[in-house]
Amino acid sequence: MTFDDPFIPVSAAEAAELASLVSGPVLLPGDEGYDTECQIYNLNLSLEPALAVGAADAADVQAAISFAACQGRPVTVKTTGHQQVDPARGGVLISTRRMKGICVDADRRSARVEAGVIWQEVIDRAAAVGLAPVSGSAPLVGVAGYTLGGGLSPVFGRSLGYAADHVRSLEVVTADAELRHVTAESDPELWWALLGGKGNFGVVTALEFDLFPLTRFYGGGIYFPGEHLADVLHAWRSWQSDMPEEMSSSLAVQRLPPLPELPEPLRGAFVVHVRFAFLGPMAEGERLITPLRAAAPALVDAVGEMPYTAMGAIHMDPPAPMPYYDRTTMLRAFPAEAADKLIELLGPGSDSPLVSVEIRMLGGALDREPAVPNAVSSRGLPFVLFGFGVGSPEQAGFLGGALEEIMKAMEPWADGRRVVNFLSVEEATDPERLSQVYGAERYRRLTAAKKAYDPTNMFRVNHNIVPG
């Protein structure tokens, strides 16, 4: 069997042999628990591996990779499945959600977490000793996948950089089934490639990273009526250019669903959601956002002092799985002309079918290489723009067309590089596109690392970097 022949099933005898070597479940299609193990966040996609292994520890991961290597099967790995891009038919799925070890060291200001841990679990444990991690806008996503893709924090990003910049060590099982303790000193090229290269180089079973002294901050969001989009967007565009690195912000144009859990002013509403996080004194935060509060009358103003344990309330990302289509781009600039194009395509009377189109300000520490460089590709670009629409596969053309229209409108100011964690399914199978995402020199280095650590491209059910 080869990687080009992915549809051969795993026999019951082969599955039983692997099951005798691992402590977690080994499941074939049709087995009880298989569908649960394969669940992912985007309901328009599915995982259909020939075998699912619910890994309980690093030894289970090693056994699963050895099995896949012997059979010539590709491997995919997931915790929550927020960025799956391929069904993995015929492959081996390693589900890490049972690997829940967390150790917080208050003296060293660090945490060591296993591969199945989600951010909210780390946030809560760290808060108990007055510390916080560089976590993302959605605290229910997995720590490992987020960090390997760079990790863009809506609170710490502009002052501290990417989450990947603060990793101390990684434990990873590579394609040879070897469990490696990887540091910048022990394996410099693998270290560089893992931090920004996502899951292309192995299965990370644990990682250790920095924590920072923070329990509360000034932040939240203001919802404005959508008919005031022009006033709010132009005000935000001008305002953000003068902000200190301690201030992070984004703006989302949203057509919210009529969900009962939303408060009445927002239920089914067309809104402009402006988000903030400020790491300085509350009074200074109040002063800095005053011009935006004056941009238009607010439907809901939820900005104030808040605990870091509630940082997910800044973006209010949907927690439950849903069927959606998404696209992203990065901008070298966001002039008035670009804002006017978004207003034209998303504003009142546009009948846009998209649930959300957001633009995040970057800059600050996100532009600076860390003391030990890594493969994160998006430094130096001041904005990322991300949009999604919710709908079934029958609406793929309609929603995809609306997303493509936004991306084409932004082309005069766009750059080929991307925040890797924002990549869509459409960007998963095109090596030329992925070369643009990383930039030619960084991509060349990544393909060389891939050849060294995964020469048969076992880890290819992803935004795949092919061996060079």
Protein backbone atom coordinates (compact mmCIF):
# COMPACT_ATOMS: atom_id res chain seq x y z
CA MET A 1 0.00 0.00 0.00
CA THR A 2 1.17 3.58 -0.70
CA PHE A 3 -0.02 7.04 0.24
CA ASP A 4 -1.65 7.20 -3.18
CA ASP A 5 -3.91 4.25 -2.31
CA PRO A 6 -5.80 5.54 0.74
CA PHE A 7 -9.06 3.59 0.54
CA ILE A 8 -7.95 0.15 1.76
CA PRO A 9 -9.76 -0.56 5.06
CA VAL A 10 -8.07 -1.67 8.26
CA SER A 11 -9.06 -5.22 9.16
CA ALA A 12 -10.56 -6.13 12.52
CA ALA A 13 -7.50 -8.28 13.26
CA GLU A 14 -5.13 -5.39 12.52
CA ALA A 15 -7.17 -3.06 14.74
CA ALA A 16 -7.19 -5.63 17.54
CA GLU A 17 -3.41 -6.01 17.33
CA LEU A 18 -2.96 -2.24 17.70
CA ALA A 19 -5.54 -2.16 20.52
CA SER A 20 -3.41 -4.63 22.46
CA LEU A 21 -0.57 -2.08 22.44
CA VAL A 22 -2.42 1.08 23.49
CA SER A 23 -4.45 2.10 26.52
CA GLY A 24 -6.94 4.31 24.66
CA PRO A 25 -9.69 3.08 22.31
CA VAL A 26 -8.95 1.84 18.78
CA LEU A 27 -12.03 2.27 16.60
CA LEU A 28 -13.06 1.21 13.11
CA PRO A 29 -15.88 2.81 11.09
CA GLY A 30 -19.16 1.58 12.52
CA ASP A 31 -17.75 0.95 16.00
CA GLU A 32 -19.48 2.60 18.93
CA GLY A 33 -17.59 5.81 19.70
CA TYR A 34 -16.03 6.17 16.23
CA ASP A 35 -18.29 9.08 15.22
CA THR A 36 -17.66 10.88 18.51
CA GLU A 37 -13.90 10.49 18.10
CA CYS A 38 -14.13 11.96 14.59
CA GLN A 39 -16.27 14.99 15.44
CA ILE A 40 -14.87 18.35 14.31
CA TYR A 41 -15.93 21.97 14.56
CA ASN A 42 -16.97 22.65 10.96
CA LEU A 43 -20.07 20.55 10.29
CA ASN A 44 -19.63 20.94 6.53
CA LEU A 45 -16.54 18.75 6.78
CA SER A 46 -16.10 15.28 8.16
CA LEU A 47 -13.35 12.96 9.27
CA GLU A 48 -13.59 9.44 7.85
CA PRO A 49 -10.34 7.71 8.76
CA ALA A 50 -9.84 3.99 8.34
CA LEU A 51 -8.91 3.88 12.03
CA ALA A 52 -9.32 6.25 14.97
CA VAL A 53 -7.02 6.01 17.98
CA GLY A 54 -8.07 7.80 21.15
CA ALA A 55 -4.58 8.37 22.54
CA ALA A 56 -4.28 8.42 26.33
CA ASP A 57 -0.54 9.16 26.42
CA ALA A 58 2.56 9.63 24.29
CA ALA A 59 3.12 5.86 24.07
CA ASP A 60 -0.27 5.49 22.40
CA VAL A 61 0.75 8.14 19.86
CA GLN A 62 3.98 6.26 19.16
CA ALA A 63 2.11 2.99 18.63
CA ALA A 64 -0.40 4.66 16.29
CA ILE A 65 2.36 6.23 14.20
CA SER A 66 4.27 2.93 14.00
CA PHE A 67 1.06 1.23 12.82
CA ALA A 68 0.45 3.93 10.18
CA ALA A 69 4.04 3.75 8.97
CA CYS A 70 3.90 -0.03 8.57
CA GLN A 71 0.72 0.24 6.53
CA GLY A 72 1.74 3.33 4.55
CA ARG A 73 -1.20 5.35 5.83
CA PRO A 74 -1.30 9.11 6.39
CA VAL A 75 -1.84 10.41 9.92
CA THR A 76 -4.03 13.25 11.07
CA VAL A 77 -4.27 14.57 14.62
CA LYS A 78 -6.91 16.61 16.41
CA THR A 79 -7.97 17.86 19.79
CA THR A 80 -11.09 19.94 19.06
CA GLY A 81 -10.87 19.83 15.25
CA HIS A 82 -11.16 23.55 14.57
CA GLN A 83 -8.92 23.51 11.49
CA GLN A 84 -9.45 20.15 9.80
CA VAL A 85 -9.22 20.48 6.03
CA ASP A 86 -9.41 16.89 4.71
CA PRO A 87 -11.60 13.83 5.43
CA ALA A 88 -8.51 11.66 6.06
CA ARG A 89 -10.15 8.74 4.25
CA GLY A 90 -8.01 5.67 4.59
CA GLY A 91 -5.77 7.33 7.15
CA VAL A 92 -5.17 7.01 10.86
CA LEU A 93 -6.71 9.61 13.16
CA ILE A 94 -4.98 10.29 16.47
CA SER A 95 -7.39 12.03 18.82
CA THR A 96 -5.58 13.64 21.76
CA ARG A 97 -8.57 14.83 23.79
CA ARG A 98 -7.84 12.38 26.64
CA MET A 99 -4.34 13.78 27.20
CA LYS A 100 -5.28 16.31 29.87
CA GLY A 101 -2.19 16.77 32.04
CA ILE A 102 -1.56 20.35 33.23
CA CYS A 103 1.27 21.47 35.51
CA VAL A 104 1.53 25.16 36.41
CA ASP A 105 4.81 26.28 38.01
CA ALA A 106 4.19 29.63 39.68
CA ASP A 107 7.86 30.16 40.55
CA ARG A 108 9.05 29.58 36.99
CA ARG A 109 6.00 31.31 35.52
CA SER A 110 5.41 28.43 33.17
CA ALA A 111 2.94 25.70 32.31
CA ARG A 112 3.44 22.24 30.87
CA VAL A 113 0.33 20.87 29.20
CA GLU A 114 -0.47 17.72 27.28
CA ALA A 115 -1.88 17.67 23.78
CA GLY A 116 -5.58 17.40 24.68
CA VAL A 117 -5.74 20.49 26.88
CA ILE A 118 -7.89 23.45 25.78
CA TRP A 119 -7.08 27.04 26.66
CA GLN A 120 -9.83 27.63 29.22
CA GLU A 121 -8.39 24.82 31.34
CA VAL A 122 -4.98 26.50 31.36
CA ILE A 123 -6.46 29.94 31.93
CA ASP A 124 -8.32 28.76 35.03
CA ARG A 125 -5.33 26.91 36.50
CA ALA A 126 -2.94 29.79 35.86
CA ALA A 127 -5.37 32.36 37.29
CA ALA A 128 -5.27 30.57 40.64
CA VAL A 129 -1.63 31.70 41.01
CA GLY A 130 -2.05 35.15 39.42
CA LEU A 131 -0.78 34.23 35.96
CA ALA A 132 -2.14 34.06 32.42
CA PRO A 133 -1.15 32.40 29.10
CA VAL A 134 -0.96 33.96 25.63
CA SER A 135 -4.29 32.40 24.66
CA GLY A 136 -6.51 33.18 21.68
CA SER A 137 -9.94 34.66 21.13
CA ALA A 138 -11.69 31.28 21.51
CA PRO A 139 -10.71 29.68 24.84
CA LEU A 140 -12.30 26.34 23.90
CA VAL A 141 -9.71 25.54 21.20
CA GLY A 142 -6.75 23.26 21.80
CA VAL A 143 -3.49 24.69 23.13
CA ALA A 144 -1.24 22.61 20.85
CA GLY A 145 -2.77 23.39 17.45
CA TYR A 146 -3.18 27.07 18.28
CA THR A 147 0.45 27.41 19.38
CA LEU A 148 1.92 25.45 16.46
CA GLY A 149 0.11 27.83 14.10
CA GLY A 150 1.65 30.85 15.81
CA GLY A 151 -1.13 31.79 18.20
CA LEU A 152 -2.64 35.29 17.91
CA SER A 153 -3.85 36.63 21.27
CA PRO A 154 -6.48 39.41 21.42
CA VAL A 155 -5.06 40.50 24.80
CA PHE A 156 -1.30 39.90 24.80
CA GLY A 157 -0.46 39.87 21.08
CA ARG A 158 0.64 43.44 20.48
CA SER A 159 2.65 43.62 23.71
CA LEU A 160 4.17 40.11 23.79
CA GLY A 161 3.98 38.70 20.26
CA TYR A 162 2.76 35.26 19.20
CA ALA A 163 2.18 32.37 21.58
CA ALA A 164 4.82 30.41 19.65
CA ASP A 165 7.39 33.02 20.71
CA HIS A 166 6.99 31.95 24.35
CA VAL A 167 7.34 28.17 24.07
CA ARG A 168 10.13 26.66 26.18
CA SER A 169 10.06 23.06 25.01
CA LEU A 170 8.01 20.57 23.01
CA GLU A 171 7.52 16.83 23.24
CA VAL A 172 6.80 15.46 19.79
CA VAL A 173 6.49 12.07 18.14
CA THR A 174 7.98 12.26 14.65
CA ALA A 175 7.30 10.01 11.65
CA ASP A 176 9.85 7.46 12.85
CA ALA A 177 7.71 7.01 16.01
CA GLU A 178 10.47 8.49 18.15
CA LEU A 179 9.39 10.64 21.11
CA ARG A 180 11.65 13.68 21.16
CA HIS A 181 12.08 16.39 23.78
CA VAL A 182 12.68 19.37 21.51
CA THR A 183 14.25 22.68 22.48
CA ALA A 184 15.89 25.42 20.45
CA GLU A 185 19.24 24.01 21.55
CA SER A 186 18.60 20.28 21.08
CA ASP A 187 16.93 20.34 17.64
CA PRO A 188 17.14 23.89 16.25
CA GLU A 189 15.71 23.18 12.79
CA LEU A 190 12.82 21.03 14.03
CA TRP A 191 12.11 23.62 16.73
CA TRP A 192 12.00 26.40 14.15
CA ALA A 193 9.71 24.43 11.82
CA LEU A 194 7.26 23.18 14.48
CA LEU A 195 6.50 26.69 15.73
CA GLY A 196 4.56 28.05 12.78
CA GLY A 197 4.49 24.92 10.61
CA LYS A 198 1.37 23.50 12.32
CA GLY A 199 1.13 19.68 12.31
CA ASN A 200 3.47 18.98 9.41
CA PHE A 201 6.39 17.57 11.38
CA GLY A 202 4.94 15.23 13.99
CA VAL A 203 2.41 14.90 16.79
CA VAL A 204 3.11 17.21 19.70
CA THR A 205 2.21 15.34 22.88
CA ALA A 206 3.13 18.10 25.37
CA LEU A 207 4.50 21.62 25.42
CA GLU A 208 5.90 23.99 28.02
CA PHE A 209 5.44 27.73 27.70
CA ASP A 210 5.64 31.02 29.57
CA LEU A 211 2.91 32.48 31.76
CA PHE A 212 2.60 36.17 32.60
CA PRO A 213 1.46 38.05 35.70
CA LEU A 214 -2.08 39.17 34.89
CA THR A 215 -5.44 38.48 36.51
CA ARG A 216 -7.58 41.40 35.30
CA PHE A 217 -7.53 43.83 32.41
CA TYR A 218 -9.66 46.52 30.80
CA GLY A 219 -11.55 45.18 27.82
CA GLY A 220 -14.70 43.84 26.20
CA GLY A 221 -16.77 44.98 23.24
CA ILE A 222 -19.18 47.62 22.01
CA TYR A 223 -21.99 46.69 19.61
CA PHE A 224 -23.16 49.49 17.33
CA PRO A 225 -26.17 49.35 14.97
CA GLY A 226 -25.06 48.22 11.51
CA GLU A 227 -26.47 51.32 9.84
CA HIS A 228 -23.62 53.25 11.48
CA LEU A 229 -20.95 51.05 9.88
CA ALA A 230 -19.36 53.88 7.88
CA ASP A 231 -18.98 56.16 10.91
CA VAL A 232 -17.64 53.41 13.17
CA LEU A 233 -15.29 51.80 10.65
CA HIS A 234 -13.68 55.08 9.61
CA ALA A 235 -13.38 56.15 13.25
CA TRP A 236 -11.75 52.82 14.17
CA ARG A 237 -9.41 52.97 11.17
CA SER A 238 -8.07 56.37 12.22
CA TRP A 239 -8.07 55.58 15.95
CA GLN A 240 -6.05 52.36 15.81
CA SER A 241 -3.03 53.96 14.15
CA ASP A 242 -2.18 55.91 17.31
CA MET A 243 -2.66 53.16 19.88
CA PRO A 244 0.11 51.96 22.22
CA GLU A 245 1.19 48.33 22.15
CA GLU A 246 -0.77 47.71 25.35
CA MET A 247 -4.00 48.20 23.36
CA SER A 248 -5.35 45.46 21.09
CA SER A 249 -8.52 45.80 19.06
CA SER A 250 -10.58 44.37 16.24
CA LEU A 251 -13.78 45.26 14.44
CA ALA A 252 -16.35 42.81 13.07
CA VAL A 253 -19.33 43.47 10.81
CA GLN A 254 -21.86 40.87 11.92
CA ARG A 255 -25.30 39.68 10.93
CA LEU A 256 -26.11 37.73 14.05
CA PRO A 257 -28.48 34.74 14.04
CA PRO A 258 -31.74 34.89 16.01
CA LEU A 259 -30.45 32.67 18.80
CA PRO A 260 -32.25 32.71 22.16
CA GLU A 261 -28.95 32.91 24.08
CA LEU A 262 -28.24 36.33 22.55
CA PRO A 263 -29.64 39.35 24.42
CA GLU A 264 -32.63 41.00 22.77
CA PRO A 265 -30.77 43.98 21.23
CA LEU A 266 -28.43 41.58 19.41
CA ARG A 267 -30.74 38.71 18.51
CA GLY A 268 -30.93 38.57 14.70
CA ALA A 269 -29.35 42.03 14.49
CA PHE A 270 -27.00 43.65 11.99
CA VAL A 271 -24.20 45.11 14.12
CA VAL A 272 -20.68 46.44 14.19
CA HIS A 273 -18.79 44.80 17.06
CA VAL A 274 -15.67 46.69 18.19
CA ARG A 275 -13.46 44.73 20.60
CA PHE A 276 -10.76 45.97 22.99
CA ALA A 277 -8.16 44.71 25.44
CA PHE A 278 -5.90 47.16 27.26
CA LEU A 279 -3.10 46.15 29.61
CA GLY A 280 -2.63 49.52 31.27
CA PRO A 281 -4.60 51.34 33.97
CA MET A 282 -8.37 51.26 33.62
CA ALA A 283 -8.64 55.06 33.58
CA GLU A 284 -6.19 55.23 30.68
CA GLY A 285 -8.17 52.56 28.81
CA GLU A 286 -11.36 54.56 29.31
CA ARG A 287 -9.65 57.64 27.93
CA LEU A 288 -8.23 55.84 24.91
CA ILE A 289 -11.55 54.38 23.73
CA THR A 290 -13.59 57.57 24.30
CA PRO A 291 -13.37 58.59 20.60
CA LEU A 292 -14.88 55.27 19.53
CA ARG A 293 -17.64 55.45 22.09
CA ALA A 294 -18.55 58.76 20.48
CA ALA A 295 -18.60 57.34 16.93
CA ALA A 296 -22.25 56.21 17.11
CA PRO A 297 -24.94 55.29 19.63
CA ALA A 298 -24.26 51.86 21.11
CA LEU A 299 -26.68 48.95 21.32
CA VAL A 300 -24.56 47.25 23.99
CA ASP A 301 -21.46 48.61 25.72
CA ALA A 302 -19.73 45.76 27.58
CA VAL A 303 -16.29 47.31 28.04
CA GLY A 304 -14.87 47.47 31.54
CA GLU A 305 -12.51 45.78 33.94
CA MET A 306 -12.73 42.01 33.53
CA PRO A 307 -10.95 38.90 34.82
CA TYR A 308 -8.64 37.11 32.41
CA THR A 309 -10.69 33.95 33.03
CA ALA A 310 -13.50 35.68 31.06
CA MET A 311 -11.32 36.81 28.14
CA GLY A 312 -13.47 34.80 25.72
CA ALA A 313 -16.15 37.47 26.17
CA ILE A 314 -14.07 39.92 24.08
CA HIS A 315 -14.80 38.25 20.75
CA MET A 316 -17.74 36.04 21.77
CA ASP A 317 -16.68 33.36 19.27
CA PRO A 318 -19.39 30.71 18.76
CA PRO A 319 -18.63 27.76 21.08
CA ALA A 320 -20.77 25.10 19.36
CA PRO A 321 -19.90 23.32 16.10
CA MET A 322 -21.63 24.72 13.02
CA PRO A 323 -21.56 24.42 9.21
CA TYR A 324 -19.53 27.26 7.72
CA TYR A 325 -17.25 28.52 4.95
CA ASP A 326 -14.41 30.94 5.60
CA ARG A 327 -11.65 32.92 3.92
CA THR A 328 -8.85 35.16 5.11
CA THR A 329 -6.30 37.65 3.84
CA MET A 330 -3.71 39.99 5.30
CA LEU A 331 -3.37 43.65 4.51
CA ARG A 332 -0.26 45.79 4.12
CA ALA A 333 -2.42 48.86 4.78
CA PHE A 334 -6.04 49.77 5.48
CA PRO A 335 -6.63 53.18 3.87
CA ALA A 336 -9.95 54.97 3.59
CA GLU A 337 -10.46 53.43 0.13
CA ALA A 338 -10.27 49.92 1.58
CA ALA A 339 -12.73 50.83 4.32
CA ASP A 340 -15.11 52.24 1.72
CA LYS A 341 -14.99 48.96 -0.24
CA LEU A 342 -15.93 47.00 2.88
CA ILE A 343 -18.78 49.43 3.60
CA GLU A 344 -20.03 48.97 0.03
CA LEU A 345 -19.97 45.16 0.27
CA LEU A 346 -21.09 44.73 3.89
CA GLY A 347 -23.07 47.82 4.82
CA PRO A 348 -26.79 48.58 4.96
CA GLY A 349 -28.49 47.57 1.74
CA SER A 350 -25.72 45.18 0.73
CA ASP A 351 -27.72 42.05 1.64
CA SER A 352 -24.45 40.32 2.48
CA PRO A 353 -25.07 36.69 3.54
CA LEU A 354 -21.93 36.56 5.69
CA VAL A 355 -22.30 36.19 9.45
CA SER A 356 -19.06 37.99 10.24
CA VAL A 357 -16.21 39.82 8.54
CA GLU A 358 -13.59 41.06 10.96
CA ILE A 359 -10.38 43.03 10.77
CA ARG A 360 -7.78 42.78 13.55
CA MET A 361 -5.03 45.28 14.19
CA LEU A 362 -1.65 43.61 14.56
CA GLY A 363 1.71 45.36 14.85
CA GLY A 364 3.72 45.96 17.99
CA ALA A 365 5.45 42.84 19.28
CA LEU A 366 3.70 40.78 16.59
CA ASP A 367 6.14 42.37 14.13
CA ARG A 368 9.27 41.49 16.08
CA GLU A 369 11.18 38.22 15.79
CA PRO A 370 11.57 36.54 19.18
CA ALA A 371 14.99 35.94 20.71
CA VAL A 372 14.88 32.47 19.15
CA PRO A 373 13.25 32.83 15.68
CA ASN A 374 10.51 30.49 14.46
CA ALA A 375 8.53 29.85 11.28
CA VAL A 376 5.65 32.27 12.00
CA SER A 377 5.18 34.05 8.67
CA SER A 378 2.95 37.04 9.33
CA ARG A 379 5.30 39.52 11.01
CA GLY A 380 5.32 43.02 9.58
CA LEU A 381 1.74 42.96 8.32
CA PRO A 382 -0.54 45.34 10.23
CA PHE A 383 -3.95 43.72 9.65
CA VAL A 384 -5.60 40.34 9.20
CA LEU A 385 -9.09 40.16 7.67
CA PHE A 386 -11.25 37.08 8.19
CA GLY A 387 -14.78 36.31 7.07
CA PHE A 388 -17.20 33.42 7.37
CA GLY A 389 -20.70 32.47 6.36
CA VAL A 390 -22.88 29.81 7.94
CA GLY A 391 -24.69 27.38 5.69
CA SER A 392 -24.94 23.84 4.39
CA PRO A 393 -23.00 22.41 1.40
CA GLU A 394 -25.87 23.43 -0.87
CA GLN A 395 -24.91 27.05 -0.13
CA ALA A 396 -21.20 26.57 -0.79
CA GLY A 397 -21.24 28.44 -4.09
CA PHE A 398 -23.34 31.30 -2.74
CA LEU A 399 -21.33 31.82 0.45
CA GLY A 400 -18.01 31.13 -1.25
CA GLY A 401 -18.83 33.75 -3.86
CA ALA A 402 -19.60 36.35 -1.19
CA LEU A 403 -16.32 35.59 0.57
CA GLU A 404 -14.37 35.71 -2.69
CA GLU A 405 -15.90 39.09 -3.49
CA ILE A 406 -14.55 40.49 -0.22
CA MET A 407 -11.08 39.03 -0.79
CA LYS A 408 -10.88 40.33 -4.36
CA ALA A 409 -11.96 43.78 -3.20
CA MET A 410 -9.06 43.83 -0.74
CA GLU A 411 -6.44 42.69 -3.30
CA PRO A 412 -4.96 46.18 -3.86
CA TRP A 413 -3.84 46.19 -0.22
CA ALA A 414 -3.36 42.45 0.36
CA ASP A 415 -0.24 40.36 0.93
CA GLY A 416 0.28 36.69 0.11
CA ARG A 417 1.45 35.82 3.62
CA ARG A 418 -1.10 34.66 6.18
CA VAL A 419 -1.73 33.96 9.84
CA VAL A 420 -1.54 30.17 9.49
CA ASN A 421 -4.29 29.47 12.03
CA PHE A 422 -6.72 31.39 9.81
CA LEU A 423 -6.10 29.38 6.64
CA SER A 424 -9.22 28.01 4.97
CA VAL A 425 -9.87 24.66 3.32
CA GLU A 426 -9.30 26.27 -0.09
CA GLU A 427 -5.71 27.01 0.87
CA ALA A 428 -4.96 23.46 2.01
CA THR A 429 -4.11 21.68 -1.24
CA ASP A 430 -2.21 24.27 -3.27
CA PRO A 431 1.58 24.20 -2.70
CA GLU A 432 2.00 27.44 -4.66
CA ARG A 433 -0.50 29.18 -2.40
CA LEU A 434 1.20 27.77 0.69
CA SER A 435 4.55 29.04 -0.58
CA GLN A 436 3.01 32.52 -0.67
CA VAL A 437 1.59 32.02 2.82
CA TYR A 438 5.07 31.48 4.24
CA GLY A 439 7.15 33.43 1.73
CA ALA A 440 9.59 31.70 -0.63
CA GLU A 441 12.64 31.50 1.65
CA ARG A 442 10.70 30.38 4.74
CA TYR A 443 8.81 27.80 2.67
CA ARG A 444 12.08 26.43 1.23
CA ARG A 445 13.40 25.97 4.76
CA LEU A 446 10.17 24.28 5.84
CA THR A 447 10.26 21.83 2.93
CA ALA A 448 13.85 20.94 3.84
CA ALA A 449 12.81 20.27 7.44
CA LYS A 450 9.91 18.20 6.16
CA LYS A 451 12.29 16.08 4.10
CA ALA A 452 14.48 15.54 7.15
CA TYR A 453 11.73 14.63 9.63
CA ASP A 454 8.83 13.34 7.49
CA PRO A 455 10.27 12.26 4.13
CA THR A 456 7.25 10.13 3.16
CA ASN A 457 4.83 12.95 4.01
CA MET A 458 2.97 10.87 6.60
CA PHE A 459 1.64 14.09 8.16
CA ARG A 460 -0.13 15.45 5.10
CA VAL A 461 -3.78 15.69 6.14
CA ASN A 462 -3.34 19.41 6.82
CA HIS A 463 -2.18 22.57 5.09
CA ASN A 464 0.55 20.40 3.72
CA ILE A 465 4.20 21.30 3.36
CA VAL A 466 5.64 18.74 0.96
CA PRO A 467 9.15 17.34 1.47
CA GLY A 468 11.72 19.40 -0.47
